[in-house]
N, C-alpha and C. Protein backbone atom coordinates (compact mmCIF):
# COMPACT_ATOMS: atom_id res chain seq x y z
N UNK A 1 98.55 135.50 65.63
CA UNK A 1 98.88 134.13 65.95
C UNK A 1 97.59 133.35 66.14
N UNK A 2 97.54 132.21 65.58
CA UNK A 2 96.34 131.37 65.61
C UNK A 2 96.33 130.49 66.85
N UNK A 3 95.18 130.35 67.52
CA UNK A 3 95.05 129.48 68.70
C UNK A 3 95.00 128.03 68.28
N UNK A 4 95.81 127.21 68.97
CA UNK A 4 95.79 125.78 68.66
C UNK A 4 94.66 125.08 69.39
N UNK A 5 94.38 125.51 70.60
CA UNK A 5 93.33 124.89 71.41
C UNK A 5 92.17 125.87 71.52
N UNK A 6 91.08 125.51 70.97
CA UNK A 6 89.92 126.40 71.04
C UNK A 6 89.06 126.11 72.26
N UNK A 7 89.13 124.88 72.77
CA UNK A 7 88.30 124.49 73.90
C UNK A 7 89.18 124.44 75.14
N UNK A 8 89.16 125.45 75.99
CA UNK A 8 90.02 125.53 77.17
C UNK A 8 89.28 125.20 78.45
N UNK A 9 88.28 124.38 78.37
CA UNK A 9 87.56 124.01 79.59
C UNK A 9 88.40 123.06 80.42
N UNK A 10 88.20 123.10 81.74
CA UNK A 10 88.89 122.20 82.64
C UNK A 10 88.09 120.92 82.83
N UNK A 11 88.42 120.19 83.89
CA UNK A 11 87.68 118.97 84.19
C UNK A 11 86.32 119.32 84.76
N UNK A 12 85.37 118.49 84.47
CA UNK A 12 84.03 118.70 85.05
C UNK A 12 84.00 118.13 86.46
N UNK A 13 82.99 118.51 87.20
CA UNK A 13 82.83 118.03 88.57
C UNK A 13 82.68 116.51 88.59
N UNK A 14 81.97 115.95 87.63
CA UNK A 14 81.76 114.51 87.57
C UNK A 14 83.08 113.79 87.33
N UNK A 15 83.91 114.33 86.45
CA UNK A 15 85.21 113.71 86.21
C UNK A 15 86.09 113.75 87.46
N UNK A 16 86.09 114.85 88.17
CA UNK A 16 86.87 114.95 89.41
C UNK A 16 86.35 113.97 90.46
N UNK A 17 85.04 113.82 90.57
CA UNK A 17 84.46 112.88 91.53
C UNK A 17 84.83 111.45 91.19
N UNK A 18 84.87 111.11 89.91
CA UNK A 18 85.26 109.76 89.50
C UNK A 18 86.72 109.49 89.85
N UNK A 19 87.58 110.45 89.66
CA UNK A 19 88.99 110.27 90.02
C UNK A 19 89.12 110.08 91.53
N UNK A 20 88.40 110.87 92.31
CA UNK A 20 88.44 110.73 93.77
C UNK A 20 87.89 109.37 94.20
N UNK A 21 86.86 108.87 93.52
CA UNK A 21 86.30 107.55 93.83
C UNK A 21 87.33 106.45 93.57
N UNK A 22 88.05 106.53 92.46
CA UNK A 22 89.06 105.52 92.13
C UNK A 22 90.19 105.55 93.17
N UNK A 23 90.64 106.74 93.55
CA UNK A 23 91.70 106.86 94.55
C UNK A 23 91.24 106.29 95.88
N UNK A 24 90.01 106.56 96.28
CA UNK A 24 89.47 106.05 97.54
C UNK A 24 89.40 104.53 97.54
N UNK A 25 88.94 103.95 96.45
CA UNK A 25 88.86 102.49 96.36
C UNK A 25 90.26 101.87 96.45
N UNK A 26 91.24 102.47 95.78
CA UNK A 26 92.60 101.95 95.85
C UNK A 26 93.15 102.03 97.28
N UNK A 27 92.87 103.12 97.99
CA UNK A 27 93.32 103.23 99.38
C UNK A 27 92.63 102.22 100.28
N UNK A 28 91.35 101.98 100.06
CA UNK A 28 90.63 101.00 100.87
C UNK A 28 91.16 99.58 100.65
N UNK A 29 91.64 99.31 99.48
CA UNK A 29 92.22 97.99 99.20
C UNK A 29 93.62 97.89 99.79
N UNK A 30 94.38 98.98 99.75
CA UNK A 30 95.79 98.93 100.14
C UNK A 30 96.01 98.98 101.65
N UNK A 31 95.26 99.76 102.38
CA UNK A 31 95.52 99.96 103.82
C UNK A 31 95.43 98.67 104.63
N UNK A 32 94.43 97.81 104.46
CA UNK A 32 94.43 96.56 105.25
C UNK A 32 95.63 95.67 104.95
N UNK A 33 96.10 95.66 103.72
CA UNK A 33 97.28 94.85 103.37
C UNK A 33 98.53 95.37 104.05
N UNK A 34 98.66 96.67 104.17
CA UNK A 34 99.84 97.25 104.81
C UNK A 34 99.85 96.91 106.29
N UNK A 35 98.72 97.00 106.97
CA UNK A 35 98.68 96.69 108.40
C UNK A 35 98.90 95.21 108.65
N UNK A 36 98.39 94.36 107.79
CA UNK A 36 98.60 92.92 107.94
C UNK A 36 100.08 92.57 107.75
N UNK A 37 100.71 93.20 106.78
CA UNK A 37 102.12 92.90 106.51
C UNK A 37 103.06 93.48 107.56
N UNK A 38 102.65 94.52 108.27
CA UNK A 38 103.55 95.09 109.27
C UNK A 38 103.76 94.10 110.42
N UNK A 39 102.76 93.32 110.80
CA UNK A 39 102.94 92.30 111.83
C UNK A 39 103.88 91.21 111.32
N UNK A 40 103.72 90.81 110.08
CA UNK A 40 104.61 89.80 109.48
C UNK A 40 106.05 90.31 109.44
N UNK A 41 106.23 91.57 109.11
CA UNK A 41 107.58 92.15 109.06
C UNK A 41 108.19 92.16 110.46
N UNK A 42 107.40 92.51 111.48
CA UNK A 42 107.91 92.50 112.86
C UNK A 42 108.31 91.11 113.31
N UNK A 43 107.52 90.10 112.92
CA UNK A 43 107.85 88.72 113.28
C UNK A 43 109.12 88.24 112.58
N UNK A 44 109.27 88.58 111.32
CA UNK A 44 110.49 88.20 110.58
C UNK A 44 111.71 88.91 111.16
N UNK A 45 111.54 90.17 111.54
CA UNK A 45 112.64 90.90 112.17
C UNK A 45 113.04 90.28 113.49
N UNK A 46 112.06 89.77 114.24
CA UNK A 46 112.35 89.12 115.52
C UNK A 46 113.12 87.82 115.28
N UNK A 47 112.73 87.06 114.27
CA UNK A 47 113.45 85.84 113.94
C UNK A 47 114.91 86.14 113.58
N UNK A 48 115.13 87.20 112.82
CA UNK A 48 116.49 87.59 112.45
C UNK A 48 117.29 88.01 113.67
N UNK A 49 116.66 88.75 114.59
CA UNK A 49 117.36 89.17 115.80
C UNK A 49 117.72 87.96 116.67
N UNK A 50 116.80 87.00 116.77
CA UNK A 50 117.09 85.79 117.54
C UNK A 50 118.25 85.02 116.95
N UNK A 51 118.35 84.96 115.63
CA UNK A 51 119.49 84.29 114.98
C UNK A 51 120.79 85.02 115.29
N UNK A 52 120.73 86.36 115.29
CA UNK A 52 121.92 87.13 115.60
C UNK A 52 122.34 86.92 117.06
N UNK A 53 121.37 86.87 117.97
CA UNK A 53 121.69 86.64 119.38
C UNK A 53 122.29 85.25 119.56
N UNK A 54 121.76 84.25 118.86
CA UNK A 54 122.34 82.90 118.93
C UNK A 54 123.80 82.91 118.48
N UNK A 55 124.10 83.67 117.42
CA UNK A 55 125.47 83.76 116.95
C UNK A 55 126.35 84.46 117.99
N UNK A 56 125.82 85.45 118.67
CA UNK A 56 126.59 86.15 119.70
C UNK A 56 126.78 85.28 120.94
N UNK A 57 125.82 84.41 121.22
CA UNK A 57 125.98 83.45 122.33
C UNK A 57 127.16 82.52 122.02
N UNK A 58 127.24 82.05 120.78
CA UNK A 58 128.36 81.20 120.39
C UNK A 58 129.68 81.95 120.46
N UNK A 59 129.69 83.21 120.05
CA UNK A 59 130.91 84.01 120.13
C UNK A 59 131.32 84.21 121.59
N UNK A 60 130.35 84.42 122.46
CA UNK A 60 130.63 84.57 123.89
C UNK A 60 131.26 83.29 124.45
N UNK A 61 130.70 82.13 124.03
CA UNK A 61 131.23 80.85 124.49
C UNK A 61 132.67 80.66 124.01
N UNK A 62 132.95 81.05 122.78
CA UNK A 62 134.32 80.93 122.27
C UNK A 62 135.28 81.87 122.98
N UNK A 63 134.81 83.07 123.30
CA UNK A 63 135.67 84.06 123.96
C UNK A 63 135.94 83.73 125.42
N UNK A 64 134.91 83.29 126.14
CA UNK A 64 135.05 83.12 127.59
C UNK A 64 135.16 81.68 128.03
N UNK A 65 134.77 80.75 127.19
CA UNK A 65 134.80 79.34 127.56
C UNK A 65 133.58 78.91 128.37
N UNK A 66 132.64 79.80 128.60
CA UNK A 66 131.44 79.47 129.35
C UNK A 66 130.20 80.04 128.69
N UNK A 67 129.05 79.64 129.20
CA UNK A 67 127.78 80.11 128.66
C UNK A 67 127.36 81.41 129.36
N UNK A 68 126.70 82.31 128.63
CA UNK A 68 126.19 83.51 129.29
C UNK A 68 125.06 83.13 130.25
N UNK A 69 125.08 83.71 131.44
CA UNK A 69 124.05 83.41 132.44
C UNK A 69 122.73 84.08 132.11
N UNK A 70 122.80 85.27 131.52
CA UNK A 70 121.59 85.99 131.12
C UNK A 70 121.90 86.82 129.89
N UNK A 71 120.86 87.43 129.36
CA UNK A 71 121.03 88.25 128.16
C UNK A 71 121.91 89.47 128.47
N UNK A 72 121.96 89.89 129.73
CA UNK A 72 122.76 91.05 130.11
C UNK A 72 124.26 90.79 129.97
N UNK A 73 124.68 89.53 129.94
CA UNK A 73 126.09 89.21 129.72
C UNK A 73 126.53 89.62 128.31
N UNK A 74 125.57 89.74 127.40
CA UNK A 74 125.90 90.13 126.02
C UNK A 74 125.82 91.64 125.82
N UNK A 75 125.51 92.38 126.88
CA UNK A 75 125.41 93.84 126.79
C UNK A 75 126.79 94.46 126.99
N UNK A 76 127.65 94.24 126.01
CA UNK A 76 128.99 94.81 126.03
C UNK A 76 129.36 95.20 124.60
N UNK A 77 130.38 96.04 124.44
CA UNK A 77 130.75 96.47 123.09
C UNK A 77 131.15 95.32 122.16
N UNK A 78 131.60 94.21 122.73
CA UNK A 78 132.01 93.08 121.89
C UNK A 78 130.82 92.31 121.31
N UNK A 79 129.64 92.48 121.88
CA UNK A 79 128.50 91.66 121.47
C UNK A 79 127.33 92.51 121.00
N UNK A 80 126.34 92.75 121.84
CA UNK A 80 125.09 93.36 121.39
C UNK A 80 124.79 94.70 122.07
N UNK A 81 125.78 95.40 122.52
CA UNK A 81 125.53 96.61 123.31
C UNK A 81 124.62 97.62 122.59
N UNK A 82 124.83 97.82 121.31
CA UNK A 82 124.05 98.82 120.58
C UNK A 82 122.60 98.39 120.33
N UNK A 83 122.27 97.15 120.58
CA UNK A 83 120.90 96.65 120.38
C UNK A 83 120.02 96.77 121.62
N UNK A 84 120.62 96.99 122.77
CA UNK A 84 119.86 97.04 124.02
C UNK A 84 119.16 98.40 124.15
N UNK A 85 117.98 98.38 124.76
CA UNK A 85 117.24 99.61 125.06
C UNK A 85 117.96 100.32 126.20
N UNK A 86 118.35 101.55 125.98
CA UNK A 86 119.14 102.28 126.98
C UNK A 86 118.35 102.56 128.26
N UNK A 87 117.03 102.78 128.13
CA UNK A 87 116.22 103.12 129.30
C UNK A 87 115.95 101.91 130.18
N UNK A 88 115.56 100.80 129.58
CA UNK A 88 115.18 99.62 130.36
C UNK A 88 116.29 98.60 130.50
N UNK A 89 117.29 98.67 129.66
CA UNK A 89 118.38 97.70 129.70
C UNK A 89 117.99 96.33 129.17
N UNK A 90 116.91 96.26 128.38
CA UNK A 90 116.46 94.99 127.82
C UNK A 90 116.74 94.97 126.32
N UNK A 91 116.70 93.76 125.78
CA UNK A 91 116.85 93.57 124.34
C UNK A 91 115.47 93.23 123.80
N UNK A 92 114.94 94.08 122.91
CA UNK A 92 113.58 93.91 122.41
C UNK A 92 113.57 93.63 120.91
N UNK A 93 112.65 92.75 120.51
CA UNK A 93 112.44 92.46 119.10
C UNK A 93 111.67 93.60 118.44
N UNK A 94 111.68 93.67 117.11
CA UNK A 94 110.88 94.68 116.42
C UNK A 94 109.38 94.55 116.68
N UNK A 95 108.91 93.35 117.02
CA UNK A 95 107.49 93.17 117.30
C UNK A 95 107.14 93.43 118.76
N UNK A 96 108.11 93.85 119.56
CA UNK A 96 107.84 94.21 120.96
C UNK A 96 108.17 93.14 121.97
N UNK A 97 108.52 91.95 121.56
CA UNK A 97 108.87 90.87 122.49
C UNK A 97 110.23 91.14 123.11
N UNK A 98 110.41 90.65 124.33
CA UNK A 98 111.69 90.77 125.02
C UNK A 98 112.51 89.51 124.79
N UNK A 99 113.78 89.69 124.47
CA UNK A 99 114.66 88.56 124.19
C UNK A 99 115.33 88.12 125.50
N UNK A 100 115.29 86.81 125.76
CA UNK A 100 115.97 86.22 126.89
C UNK A 100 116.77 85.02 126.40
N UNK A 101 117.57 84.45 127.30
CA UNK A 101 118.33 83.23 126.97
C UNK A 101 117.74 82.09 127.78
N UNK A 102 117.31 81.04 127.08
CA UNK A 102 116.77 79.83 127.70
C UNK A 102 117.54 78.65 127.14
N UNK A 103 118.20 77.89 128.01
CA UNK A 103 118.98 76.72 127.59
C UNK A 103 120.01 77.08 126.52
N UNK A 104 120.70 78.20 126.73
CA UNK A 104 121.74 78.67 125.82
C UNK A 104 121.25 78.97 124.41
N UNK A 105 119.97 79.29 124.27
CA UNK A 105 119.38 79.69 122.99
C UNK A 105 118.59 80.97 123.22
N UNK A 106 118.56 81.82 122.23
CA UNK A 106 117.77 83.05 122.30
C UNK A 106 116.29 82.71 122.22
N UNK A 107 115.49 83.39 123.04
CA UNK A 107 114.06 83.13 123.09
C UNK A 107 113.34 84.47 123.22
N UNK A 108 112.24 84.64 122.49
CA UNK A 108 111.44 85.86 122.55
C UNK A 108 110.24 85.62 123.47
N UNK A 109 110.15 86.43 124.55
CA UNK A 109 109.02 86.34 125.47
C UNK A 109 107.87 87.18 124.94
N UNK A 110 106.74 86.54 124.70
CA UNK A 110 105.59 87.23 124.12
C UNK A 110 104.79 88.01 125.15
N UNK A 111 105.08 87.87 126.43
CA UNK A 111 104.28 88.46 127.48
C UNK A 111 104.43 89.95 127.65
N UNK A 112 105.12 90.64 126.80
CA UNK A 112 105.36 92.07 126.97
C UNK A 112 104.13 92.86 126.66
């Protein structure tokens, strides 16, 4: 049987180093963008949670005829029970802010 490939050498050290250099440069470009976007994603998630809490405040008003006194009034199976932190009993945004109710609107406290 005749050999089709006569030259069975592998990659040279220089070729492997060039591939590693290209991968390293791509990682150096990509990592800062990922960390920058994670803060943006957390902020957008907080905005979405605040919109959902506002909708639940309106549902509470329709159900009870009154305004919730605090965010804990929404900690029931009918509203946002599954969103509350079980250990602290607070409602937290994806970016770490604590959600409260101010003037019948959801508000994220940045002081956490």
